[in-house]
C-alpha cells in the first residue's frame, strides 16, 4: 500500500526521510468520534511496509465538534521511532504495521 502523494508531508527521523498523511476527511466512525484518529507513514524513497498509527485523539474534522489536538510532526517522529524499535521495517514489503497509541481515548456514545 503506497500513500497518496497529494496531502502527504515529509519528515526526517534519525537521518531517514519518511512521508506521512492524515486523512483530510474522517471515516464515518471517526466523524462520530466512535474511533480515534489514525495516520499513515511510509519510507519516502522506497515505500514498502506502511505504518498505521492510531492516536488517542478524535479526528480534527470530526462532526460532533469534539476538541482535538492536531497531529504534530514531533508526535509523528516519536511514533516512527517507537515503531522502528518494535520491529517496523519500512523498506520491506508486507502488510501494514499497526502502532496503537489509543490508550485513554474515550468514544462519543
PDB file of N, CA and C in Angstrom:
ATOM      1  N   UNK A   1       0.849  -1.170   0.000  1.00  0.00           N
ATOM      2  CA  UNK A   1       0.000   0.000   0.000  1.00  0.00           C
ATOM      3  C   UNK A   1       0.899   1.239   0.000  1.00  0.00           C
ATOM      4  N   UNK A   2       0.716   2.102  -0.949  1.00  0.00           N
ATOM      5  CA  UNK A   2       1.506   3.314  -1.048  1.00  0.00           C
ATOM      6  C   UNK A   2       0.640   4.518  -0.723  1.00  0.00           C
ATOM      7  N   UNK A   3       1.219   5.465  -0.010  1.00  0.00           N
ATOM      8  CA  UNK A   3       0.492   6.683   0.331  1.00  0.00           C
ATOM      9  C   UNK A   3       0.266   7.540  -0.904  1.00  0.00           C
ATOM     10  N   UNK A   4      -0.836   8.221  -0.922  1.00  0.00           N
ATOM     11  CA  UNK A   4      -1.093   9.201  -1.969  1.00  0.00           C
ATOM     12  C   UNK A   4      -0.168  10.383  -1.695  1.00  0.00           C
ATOM     13  N   UNK A   5       0.539  10.838  -2.705  1.00  0.00           N
ATOM     14  CA  UNK A   5       1.489  11.936  -2.510  1.00  0.00           C
ATOM     15  C   UNK A   5       0.788  13.247  -2.161  1.00  0.00           C
ATOM     16  N   UNK A   6      -0.378  13.473  -2.777  1.00  0.00           N
ATOM     17  CA  UNK A   6      -1.102  14.708  -2.514  1.00  0.00           C
ATOM     18  C   UNK A   6      -1.550  14.719  -1.055  1.00  0.00           C
ATOM     19  N   UNK A   7      -1.179  15.753  -0.353  1.00  0.00           N
ATOM     20  CA  UNK A   7      -1.562  15.883   1.039  1.00  0.00           C
ATOM     21  C   UNK A   7      -0.604  15.243   2.019  1.00  0.00           C
ATOM     22  N   UNK A   8       0.412  14.532   1.508  1.00  0.00           N
ATOM     23  CA  UNK A   8       1.370  13.923   2.431  1.00  0.00           C
ATOM     24  C   UNK A   8       2.454  14.938   2.786  1.00  0.00           C
ATOM     25  N   UNK A   9       3.040  14.751   3.949  1.00  0.00           N
ATOM     26  CA  UNK A   9       4.093  15.656   4.432  1.00  0.00           C
ATOM     27  C   UNK A   9       5.368  14.861   4.627  1.00  0.00           C
ATOM     28  N   UNK A  10       6.470  15.520   4.388  1.00  0.00           N
ATOM     29  CA  UNK A  10       7.784  14.896   4.532  1.00  0.00           C
ATOM     30  C   UNK A  10       8.327  15.169   5.934  1.00  0.00           C
ATOM     31  N   UNK A  11       8.954  14.151   6.507  1.00  0.00           N
ATOM     32  CA  UNK A  11       9.573  14.288   7.822  1.00  0.00           C
ATOM     33  C   UNK A  11      10.860  13.464   7.827  1.00  0.00           C
ATOM     34  N   UNK A  12      11.870  13.966   8.493  1.00  0.00           N
ATOM     35  CA  UNK A  12      13.140  13.252   8.606  1.00  0.00           C
ATOM     36  C   UNK A  12      13.311  12.826  10.056  1.00  0.00           C
ATOM     37  N   UNK A  13      13.505  11.527  10.257  1.00  0.00           N
ATOM     38  CA  UNK A  13      13.687  10.963  11.587  1.00  0.00           C
ATOM     39  C   UNK A  13      15.007  10.200  11.601  1.00  0.00           C
ATOM     40  N   UNK A  14      15.918  10.618  12.452  1.00  0.00           N
ATOM     41  CA  UNK A  14      17.241   9.981  12.564  1.00  0.00           C
ATOM     42  C   UNK A  14      17.940   9.870  11.206  1.00  0.00           C
ATOM     43  N   UNK A  15      17.821  10.917  10.397  1.00  0.00           N
ATOM     44  CA  UNK A  15      18.510  10.958   9.111  1.00  0.00           C
ATOM     45  C   UNK A  15      17.806  10.253   7.968  1.00  0.00           C
ATOM     46  N   UNK A  16      16.644   9.666   8.207  1.00  0.00           N
ATOM     47  CA  UNK A  16      15.891   8.960   7.171  1.00  0.00           C
ATOM     48  C   UNK A  16      14.613   9.727   6.868  1.00  0.00           C
ATOM     49  N   UNK A  17      14.326   9.892   5.579  1.00  0.00           N
ATOM     50  CA  UNK A  17      13.134  10.636   5.166  1.00  0.00           C
ATOM     51  C   UNK A  17      11.924   9.717   5.060  1.00  0.00           C
ATOM     52  N   UNK A  18      10.800  10.198   5.584  1.00  0.00           N
ATOM     53  CA  UNK A  18       9.521   9.499   5.525  1.00  0.00           C
ATOM     54  C   UNK A  18       8.471  10.468   5.011  1.00  0.00           C
ATOM     55  N   UNK A  19       7.339   9.908   4.582  1.00  0.00           N
ATOM     56  CA  UNK A  19       6.174  10.713   4.243  1.00  0.00           C
ATOM     57  C   UNK A  19       5.031  10.238   5.124  1.00  0.00           C
ATOM     58  N   UNK A  20       4.242  11.179   5.610  1.00  0.00           N
ATOM     59  CA  UNK A  20       3.097  10.811   6.426  1.00  0.00           C
ATOM     60  C   UNK A  20       1.870  11.575   5.981  1.00  0.00           C
ATOM     61  N   UNK A  21       0.713  10.985   6.262  1.00  0.00           N
ATOM     62  CA  UNK A  21      -0.525  11.594   5.798  1.00  0.00           C
ATOM     63  C   UNK A  21      -1.666  11.272   6.748  1.00  0.00           C
ATOM     64  N   UNK A  22      -2.427  12.297   7.051  1.00  0.00           N
ATOM     65  CA  UNK A  22      -3.652  12.189   7.825  1.00  0.00           C
ATOM     66  C   UNK A  22      -4.803  12.400   6.859  1.00  0.00           C
ATOM     67  N   UNK A  23      -5.810  11.549   6.930  1.00  0.00           N
ATOM     68  CA  UNK A  23      -6.980  11.733   6.060  1.00  0.00           C
ATOM     69  C   UNK A  23      -7.584  13.108   6.285  1.00  0.00           C
ATOM     70  N   UNK A  24      -7.883  13.813   5.210  1.00  0.00           N
ATOM     71  CA  UNK A  24      -8.495  15.128   5.330  1.00  0.00           C
ATOM     72  C   UNK A  24      -9.902  15.060   5.896  1.00  0.00           C
ATOM     73  N   UNK A  25     -10.642  14.057   5.452  1.00  0.00           N
ATOM     74  CA  UNK A  25     -11.998  13.844   5.964  1.00  0.00           C
ATOM     75  C   UNK A  25     -11.999  12.572   6.796  1.00  0.00           C
ATOM     76  N   UNK A  26     -12.669  12.600   7.919  1.00  0.00           N
ATOM     77  CA  UNK A  26     -12.687  11.411   8.770  1.00  0.00           C
ATOM     78  C   UNK A  26     -13.547  10.299   8.170  1.00  0.00           C
ATOM     79  N   UNK A  27     -13.286   9.064   8.574  1.00  0.00           N
ATOM     80  CA  UNK A  27     -14.198   7.975   8.237  1.00  0.00           C
ATOM     81  C   UNK A  27     -15.497   8.220   9.005  1.00  0.00           C
ATOM     82  N   UNK A  28     -16.521   7.470   8.692  1.00  0.00           N
ATOM     83  CA  UNK A  28     -17.805   7.649   9.372  1.00  0.00           C
ATOM     84  C   UNK A  28     -17.643   7.497  10.885  1.00  0.00           C
ATOM     85  N   UNK A  29     -16.951   6.450  11.308  1.00  0.00           N
ATOM     86  CA  UNK A  29     -16.761   6.194  12.740  1.00  0.00           C
ATOM     87  C   UNK A  29     -15.885   7.249  13.399  1.00  0.00           C
ATOM     88  N   UNK A  30     -14.920   7.776  12.664  1.00  0.00           N
ATOM     89  CA  UNK A  30     -14.086   8.851  13.205  1.00  0.00           C
ATOM     90  C   UNK A  30     -14.873  10.159  13.271  1.00  0.00           C
ATOM     91  N   UNK A  31     -15.725  10.398  12.289  1.00  0.00           N
ATOM     92  CA  UNK A  31     -16.537  11.611  12.266  1.00  0.00           C
ATOM     93  C   UNK A  31     -17.484  11.692  13.449  1.00  0.00           C
ATOM     94  N   UNK A  32     -17.980  10.544  13.874  1.00  0.00           N
ATOM     95  CA  UNK A  32     -18.870  10.485  15.029  1.00  0.00           C
ATOM     96  C   UNK A  32     -18.090  10.289  16.330  1.00  0.00           C
ATOM     97  N   UNK A  33     -16.791  10.285  16.240  1.00  0.00           N
ATOM     98  CA  UNK A  33     -15.843  10.087  17.352  1.00  0.00           C
ATOM     99  C   UNK A  33     -16.048   8.760  18.078  1.00  0.00           C
ATOM    100  N   UNK A  34     -16.464   7.742  17.332  1.00  0.00           N
ATOM    101  CA  UNK A  34     -16.529   6.395  17.886  1.00  0.00           C
ATOM    102  C   UNK A  34     -15.138   5.776  17.882  1.00  0.00           C
ATOM    103  N   UNK A  35     -14.327   6.172  16.900  1.00  0.00           N
ATOM    104  CA  UNK A  35     -12.955   5.677  16.773  1.00  0.00           C
ATOM    105  C   UNK A  35     -11.990   6.860  16.752  1.00  0.00           C
ATOM    106  N   UNK A  36     -10.748   6.644  17.217  1.00  0.00           N
ATOM    107  CA  UNK A  36      -9.768   7.735  17.216  1.00  0.00           C
ATOM    108  C   UNK A  36      -9.180   7.984  15.833  1.00  0.00           C
ATOM    109  N   UNK A  37      -8.469   9.067  15.738  1.00  0.00           N
ATOM    110  CA  UNK A  37      -7.781   9.486  14.519  1.00  0.00           C
ATOM    111  C   UNK A  37      -6.620   8.539  14.215  1.00  0.00           C
ATOM    112  N   UNK A  38      -6.400   8.267  12.952  1.00  0.00           N
ATOM    113  CA  UNK A  38      -5.257   7.471  12.520  1.00  0.00           C
ATOM    114  C   UNK A  38      -4.520   8.215  11.406  1.00  0.00           C
ATOM    115  N   UNK A  39      -3.234   7.900  11.253  1.00  0.00           N
ATOM    116  CA  UNK A  39      -2.468   8.425  10.133  1.00  0.00           C
ATOM    117  C   UNK A  39      -1.491   7.360   9.665  1.00  0.00           C
ATOM    118  N   UNK A  40      -0.980   7.538   8.460  1.00  0.00           N
ATOM    119  CA  UNK A  40      -0.087   6.549   7.861  1.00  0.00           C
ATOM    120  C   UNK A  40       1.276   7.170   7.573  1.00  0.00           C
ATOM    121  N   UNK A  41       2.313   6.332   7.666  1.00  0.00           N
ATOM    122  CA  UNK A  41       3.692   6.757   7.426  1.00  0.00           C
ATOM    123  C   UNK A  41       4.353   5.715   6.533  1.00  0.00           C
ATOM    124  N   UNK A  42       5.203   6.173   5.612  1.00  0.00           N
ATOM    125  CA  UNK A  42       5.998   5.252   4.802  1.00  0.00           C
ATOM    126  C   UNK A  42       7.359   5.866   4.513  1.00  0.00           C
ATOM    127  N   UNK A  43       8.300   5.026   4.115  1.00  0.00           N
ATOM    128  CA  UNK A  43       9.636   5.496   3.730  1.00  0.00           C
ATOM    129  C   UNK A  43       9.473   6.370   2.490  1.00  0.00           C
ATOM    130  N   UNK A  44      10.152   7.495   2.445  1.00  0.00           N
ATOM    131  CA  UNK A  44       9.958   8.458   1.349  1.00  0.00           C
ATOM    132  C   UNK A  44      10.497   7.966   0.009  1.00  0.00           C
ATOM    133  N   UNK A  45      11.623   7.264   0.027  1.00  0.00           N
ATOM    134  CA  UNK A  45      12.266   6.872  -1.227  1.00  0.00           C
ATOM    135  C   UNK A  45      11.932   5.451  -1.664  1.00  0.00           C
ATOM    136  N   UNK A  46      11.739   4.555  -0.721  1.00  0.00           N
ATOM    137  CA  UNK A  46      11.477   3.155  -1.020  1.00  0.00           C
ATOM    138  C   UNK A  46      10.246   2.700  -0.246  1.00  0.00           C
ATOM    139  N   UNK A  47       9.050   3.076  -0.713  1.00  0.00           N
ATOM    140  CA  UNK A  47       7.855   2.681   0.021  1.00  0.00           C
ATOM    141  C   UNK A  47       7.728   1.158   0.087  1.00  0.00           C
ATOM    142  N   UNK A  48       7.476   0.670   1.261  1.00  0.00           N
ATOM    143  CA  UNK A  48       7.301  -0.764   1.466  1.00  0.00           C
ATOM    144  C   UNK A  48       6.162  -0.971   2.438  1.00  0.00           C
ATOM    145  N   UNK A  49       6.501  -1.409   3.643  1.00  0.00           N
ATOM    146  CA  UNK A  49       5.512  -1.644   4.685  1.00  0.00           C
ATOM    147  C   UNK A  49       5.041  -0.301   5.263  1.00  0.00           C
ATOM    148  N   UNK A  50       3.750  -0.062   5.207  1.00  0.00           N
ATOM    149  CA  UNK A  50       3.180   1.181   5.725  1.00  0.00           C
ATOM    150  C   UNK A  50       2.961   1.062   7.225  1.00  0.00           C
ATOM    151  N   UNK A  51       3.268   2.124   7.934  1.00  0.00           N
ATOM    152  CA  UNK A  51       2.992   2.216   9.365  1.00  0.00           C
ATOM    153  C   UNK A  51       1.658   2.926   9.532  1.00  0.00           C
ATOM    154  N   UNK A  52       0.725   2.317  10.264  1.00  0.00           N
ATOM    155  CA  UNK A  52      -0.567   2.929  10.557  1.00  0.00           C
ATOM    156  C   UNK A  52      -0.607   3.192  12.058  1.00  0.00           C
ATOM    157  N   UNK A  53      -0.705   4.457  12.418  1.00  0.00           N
ATOM    158  CA  UNK A  53      -0.685   4.867  13.823  1.00  0.00           C
ATOM    159  C   UNK A  53      -2.088   5.277  14.255  1.00  0.00           C
ATOM    160  N   UNK A  54      -2.564   4.662  15.316  1.00  0.00           N
ATOM    161  CA  UNK A  54      -3.843   5.024  15.915  1.00  0.00           C
ATOM    162  C   UNK A  54      -3.548   5.911  17.117  1.00  0.00           C
ATOM    163  N   UNK A  55      -4.061   7.131  17.088  1.00  0.00           N
ATOM    164  CA  UNK A  55      -3.792   8.099  18.148  1.00  0.00           C
ATOM    165  C   UNK A  55      -4.809   7.958  19.278  1.00  0.00           C
ATOM    166  N   UNK A  56      -4.650   8.789  20.299  1.00  0.00           N
ATOM    167  CA  UNK A  56      -5.612   8.813  21.401  1.00  0.00           C
ATOM    168  C   UNK A  56      -6.524  10.039  21.311  1.00  0.00           C
ATOM    169  N   UNK A  57      -6.601  10.634  20.119  1.00  0.00           N
ATOM    170  CA  UNK A  57      -7.384  11.850  19.895  1.00  0.00           C
ATOM    171  C   UNK A  57      -8.488  11.602  18.870  1.00  0.00           C
ATOM    172  N   UNK A  58      -9.583  12.361  18.949  1.00  0.00           N
ATOM    173  CA  UNK A  58     -10.563  12.304  17.862  1.00  0.00           C
ATOM    174  C   UNK A  58      -9.981  12.966  16.608  1.00  0.00           C
ATOM    175  N   UNK A  59     -10.548  12.647  15.465  1.00  0.00           N
ATOM    176  CA  UNK A  59     -10.108  13.279  14.215  1.00  0.00           C
ATOM    177  C   UNK A  59     -10.379  14.778  14.317  1.00  0.00           C
ATOM    178  N   UNK A  60      -9.426  15.626  13.883  1.00  0.00           N
ATOM    179  CA  UNK A  60      -9.631  17.082  13.979  1.00  0.00           C
ATOM    180  C   UNK A  60     -10.870  17.592  13.240  1.00  0.00           C
ATOM    181  N   UNK A  61     -11.320  16.857  12.218  1.00  0.00           N
ATOM    182  CA  UNK A  61     -12.504  17.281  11.459  1.00  0.00           C
ATOM    183  C   UNK A  61     -13.741  16.473  11.838  1.00  0.00           C
ATOM    184  N   UNK A  62     -13.827  16.043  13.081  1.00  0.00           N
ATOM    185  CA  UNK A  62     -14.995  15.253  13.494  1.00  0.00           C
ATOM    186  C   UNK A  62     -16.257  16.098  13.416  1.00  0.00           C
ATOM    187  N   UNK A  63     -17.385  15.433  13.291  1.00  0.00           N
ATOM    188  CA  UNK A  63     -18.657  16.114  13.049  1.00  0.00           C
ATOM    189  C   UNK A  63     -19.359  16.519  14.337  1.00  0.00           C
ATOM    190  N   UNK A  64     -18.881  16.027  15.448  1.00  0.00           N
ATOM    191  CA  UNK A  64     -19.533  16.278  16.734  1.00  0.00           C
ATOM    192  C   UNK A  64     -19.055  17.598  17.341  1.00  0.00           C
ATOM    193  N   UNK A  65     -17.915  18.082  16.857  1.00  0.00           N
ATOM    194  CA  UNK A  65     -17.341  19.297  17.416  1.00  0.00           C
ATOM    195  C   UNK A  65     -16.492  19.036  18.645  1.00  0.00           C
ATOM    196  N   UNK A  66     -16.098  17.775  18.817  1.00  0.00           N
ATOM    197  CA  UNK A  66     -15.241  17.430  19.937  1.00  0.00           C
ATOM    198  C   UNK A  66     -13.862  18.011  19.728  1.00  0.00           C
ATOM    199  N   UNK A  67     -13.309  18.605  20.761  1.00  0.00           N
ATOM    200  CA  UNK A  67     -11.991  19.218  20.666  1.00  0.00           C
ATOM    201  C   UNK A  67     -10.941  18.150  20.402  1.00  0.00           C
ATOM    202  N   UNK A  68     -10.025  18.453  19.495  1.00  0.00           N
ATOM    203  CA  UNK A  68      -8.966  17.509  19.130  1.00  0.00           C
ATOM    204  C   UNK A  68      -7.648  18.251  18.997  1.00  0.00           C
ATOM    205  N   UNK A  69      -6.602  17.623  19.462  1.00  0.00           N
ATOM    206  CA  UNK A  69      -5.254  18.170  19.278  1.00  0.00           C
ATOM    207  C   UNK A  69      -4.794  17.850  17.860  1.00  0.00           C
ATOM    208  N   UNK A  70      -4.081  18.752  17.213  1.00  0.00           N
ATOM    209  CA  UNK A  70      -3.555  18.437  15.881  1.00  0.00           C
ATOM    210  C   UNK A  70      -2.452  17.388  15.972  1.00  0.00           C
ATOM    211  N   UNK A  71      -2.264  16.660  14.887  1.00  0.00           N
ATOM    212  CA  UNK A  71      -1.156  15.705  14.811  1.00  0.00           C
ATOM    213  C   UNK A  71       0.083  16.511  14.445  1.00  0.00           C
ATOM    214  N   UNK A  72       1.039  16.558  15.345  1.00  0.00           N
ATOM    215  CA  UNK A  72       2.248  17.354  15.149  1.00  0.00           C
ATOM    216  C   UNK A  72       3.388  16.504  14.607  1.00  0.00           C
ATOM    217  N   UNK A  73       4.285  17.115  13.836  1.00  0.00           N
ATOM    218  CA  UNK A  73       5.445  16.368  13.341  1.00  0.00           C
ATOM    219  C   UNK A  73       6.257  15.711  14.461  1.00  0.00           C
ATOM    220  N   UNK A  74       6.327  16.351  15.620  1.00  0.00           N
ATOM    221  CA  UNK A  74       7.073  15.750  16.736  1.00  0.00           C
ATOM    222  C   UNK A  74       6.414  14.446  17.194  1.00  0.00           C
ATOM    223  N   UNK A  75       5.091  14.378  17.161  1.00  0.00           N
ATOM    224  CA  UNK A  75       4.372  13.147  17.518  1.00  0.00           C
ATOM    225  C   UNK A  75       4.604  12.065  16.476  1.00  0.00           C
ATOM    226  N   UNK A  76       4.628  12.467  15.204  1.00  0.00           N
ATOM    227  CA  UNK A  76       4.877  11.514  14.123  1.00  0.00           C
ATOM    228  C   UNK A  76       6.290  10.955  14.254  1.00  0.00           C
ATOM    229  N   UNK A  77       7.260  11.811  14.518  1.00  0.00           N
ATOM    230  CA  UNK A  77       8.646  11.365  14.683  1.00  0.00           C
ATOM    231  C   UNK A  77       8.769  10.388  15.847  1.00  0.00           C
ATOM    232  N   UNK A  78       8.106  10.681  16.954  1.00  0.00           N
ATOM    233  CA  UNK A  78       8.147   9.779  18.115  1.00  0.00           C
ATOM    234  C   UNK A  78       7.499   8.442  17.784  1.00  0.00           C
ATOM    235  N   UNK A  79       6.403   8.460  17.037  1.00  0.00           N
ATOM    236  CA  UNK A  79       5.731   7.215  16.643  1.00  0.00           C
ATOM    237  C   UNK A  79       6.620   6.394  15.708  1.00  0.00           C
ATOM    238  N   UNK A  80       7.305   7.048  14.788  1.00  0.00           N
ATOM    239  CA  UNK A  80       8.218   6.347  13.873  1.00  0.00           C
ATOM    240  C   UNK A  80       9.334   5.675  14.674  1.00  0.00           C
ATOM    241  N   UNK A  81       9.921   6.395  15.606  1.00  0.00           N
ATOM    242  CA  UNK A  81      10.995   5.822  16.417  1.00  0.00           C
ATOM    243  C   UNK A  81      10.500   4.624  17.230  1.00  0.00           C
ATOM    244  N   UNK A  82       9.320   4.737  17.812  1.00  0.00           N
ATOM    245  CA  UNK A  82       8.760   3.640  18.593  1.00  0.00           C
ATOM    246  C   UNK A  82       8.463   2.430  17.702  1.00  0.00           C
ATOM    247  N   UNK A  83       7.883   2.677  16.536  1.00  0.00           N
ATOM    248  CA  UNK A  83       7.571   1.581  15.613  1.00  0.00           C
ATOM    249  C   UNK A  83       8.841   0.875  15.142  1.00  0.00           C
ATOM    250  N   UNK A  84       9.875   1.643  14.844  1.00  0.00           N
ATOM    251  CA  UNK A  84      11.150   1.038  14.442  1.00  0.00           C
ATOM    252  C   UNK A  84      11.701   0.173  15.571  1.00  0.00           C
ATOM    253  N   UNK A  85      11.589   0.651  16.787  1.00  0.00           N
ATOM    254  CA  UNK A  85      12.046  -0.097  17.963  1.00  0.00           C
ATOM    255  C   UNK A  85      11.243  -1.391  18.135  1.00  0.00           C
ATOM    256  N   UNK A  86       9.967  -1.355  17.747  1.00  0.00           N
ATOM    257  CA  UNK A  86       9.084  -2.530  17.885  1.00  0.00           C
ATOM    258  C   UNK A  86       9.099  -3.449  16.672  1.00  0.00           C
ATOM    259  N   UNK A  87       9.963  -3.145  15.703  1.00  0.00           N
ATOM    260  CA  UNK A  87      10.130  -4.078  14.593  1.00  0.00           C
ATOM    261  C   UNK A  87       9.603  -3.664  13.238  1.00  0.00           C
ATOM    262  N   UNK A  88       9.127  -2.445  13.087  1.00  0.00           N
ATOM    263  CA  UNK A  88       8.670  -1.986  11.772  1.00  0.00           C
ATOM    264  C   UNK A  88       9.865  -1.868  10.846  1.00  0.00           C
ATOM    265  N   UNK A  89       9.766  -2.463   9.670  1.00  0.00           N
ATOM    266  CA  UNK A  89      10.816  -2.375   8.652  1.00  0.00           C
ATOM    267  C   UNK A  89      10.223  -1.670   7.436  1.00  0.00           C
ATOM    268  N   UNK A  90      10.388  -0.361   7.344  1.00  0.00           N
ATOM    269  CA  UNK A  90       9.689   0.429   6.330  1.00  0.00           C
ATOM    270  C   UNK A  90      10.020   0.086   4.886  1.00  0.00           C
ATOM    271  N   UNK A  91      11.194  -0.453   4.611  1.00  0.00           N
ATOM    272  CA  UNK A  91      11.549  -0.769   3.224  1.00  0.00           C
ATOM    273  C   UNK A  91      11.114  -2.172   2.812  1.00  0.00           C
ATOM    274  N   UNK A  92      10.750  -3.005   3.766  1.00  0.00           N
ATOM    275  CA  UNK A  92      10.326  -4.375   3.470  1.00  0.00           C
ATOM    276  C   UNK A  92       8.896  -4.378   2.941  1.00  0.00           C
ATOM    277  N   UNK A  93       8.606  -5.328   2.085  1.00  0.00           N
ATOM    278  CA  UNK A  93       7.223  -5.453   1.611  1.00  0.00           C
ATOM    279  C   UNK A  93       6.429  -6.230   2.660  1.00  0.00           C
ATOM    280  N   UNK A  94       5.154  -6.058   2.614  1.00  0.00           N
ATOM    281  CA  UNK A  94       4.301  -6.760   3.558  1.00  0.00           C
ATOM    282  C   UNK A  94       3.103  -5.925   3.940  1.00  0.00           C
ATOM    283  N   UNK A  95       2.261  -6.513   4.774  1.00  0.00           N
ATOM    284  CA  UNK A  95       1.061  -5.793   5.197  1.00  0.00           C
ATOM    285  C   UNK A  95       1.435  -4.692   6.175  1.00  0.00           C
ATOM    286  N   UNK A  96       0.493  -3.832   6.426  1.00  0.00           N
ATOM    287  CA  UNK A  96       0.732  -2.653   7.266  1.00  0.00           C
ATOM    288  C   UNK A  96       1.139  -3.060   8.680  1.00  0.00           C
ATOM    289  N   UNK A  97       1.980  -2.230   9.275  1.00  0.00           N
ATOM    290  CA  UNK A  97       2.410  -2.389  10.664  1.00  0.00           C
ATOM    291  C   UNK A  97       1.563  -1.428  11.481  1.00  0.00           C
ATOM    292  N   UNK A  98       0.847  -1.937  12.472  1.00  0.00           N
ATOM    293  CA  UNK A  98      -0.062  -1.102  13.261  1.00  0.00           C
ATOM    294  C   UNK A  98       0.567  -0.750  14.602  1.00  0.00           C
ATOM    295  N   UNK A  99       0.530   0.532  14.915  1.00  0.00           N
ATOM    296  CA  UNK A  99       1.013   1.035  16.192  1.00  0.00           C
ATOM    297  C   UNK A  99      -0.179   1.680  16.893  1.00  0.00           C
ATOM    298  N   UNK A 100      -0.641   1.043  17.957  1.00  0.00           N
ATOM    299  CA  UNK A 100      -1.829   1.509  18.667  1.00  0.00           C
ATOM    300  C   UNK A 100      -1.406   2.363  19.860  1.00  0.00           C
ATOM    301  N   UNK A 101      -1.703   3.652  19.765  1.00  0.00           N
ATOM    302  CA  UNK A 101      -1.433   4.590  20.852  1.00  0.00           C
ATOM    303  C   UNK A 101      -2.742   5.202  21.358  1.00  0.00           C
ATOM    304  N   UNK A 102      -3.802   4.403  21.298  1.00  0.00           N
ATOM    305  CA  UNK A 102      -5.140   4.925  21.603  1.00  0.00           C
ATOM    306  C   UNK A 102      -5.529   4.806  23.078  1.00  0.00           C
ATOM    307  N   UNK A 103      -4.626   4.371  23.933  1.00  0.00           N
ATOM    308  CA  UNK A 103      -4.949   4.269  25.357  1.00  0.00           C
ATOM    309  C   UNK A 103      -5.405   5.638  25.870  1.00  0.00           C
ATOM    310  N   UNK A 104      -6.535   5.670  26.502  1.00  0.00           N
ATOM    311  CA  UNK A 104      -7.057   6.933  27.031  1.00  0.00           C
ATOM    312  C   UNK A 104      -8.121   7.567  26.143  1.00  0.00           C
ATOM    313  N   UNK A 105      -8.310   7.046  24.930  1.00  0.00           N
ATOM    314  CA  UNK A 105      -9.336   7.598  24.049  1.00  0.00           C
ATOM    315  C   UNK A 105     -10.714   7.187  24.562  1.00  0.00           C
ATOM    316  N   UNK A 106     -11.607   8.141  24.647  1.00  0.00           N
ATOM    317  CA  UNK A 106     -12.991   7.829  25.006  1.00  0.00           C
ATOM    318  C   UNK A 106     -13.876   8.179  23.841  1.00  0.00           C
ATOM    319  N   UNK A 107     -14.658   7.198  23.412  1.00  0.00           N
ATOM    320  CA  UNK A 107     -15.528   7.423  22.254  1.00  0.00           C
ATOM    321  C   UNK A 107     -16.781   8.160  22.702  1.00  0.00           C
ATOM    322  N   UNK A 108     -17.409   8.827  21.746  1.00  0.00           N
ATOM    323  CA  UNK A 108     -18.661   9.544  21.985  1.00  0.00           C
ATOM    324  C   UNK A 108     -19.790   8.548  21.830  1.00  0.00           C
ATOM    325  N   UNK A 109     -20.601   8.383  22.846  1.00  0.00           N
ATOM    326  CA  UNK A 109     -21.710   7.436  22.720  1.00  0.00           C
ATOM    327  C   UNK A 109     -23.030   8.117  22.965  1.00  0.00           C
TER     328      UNK A 109
END
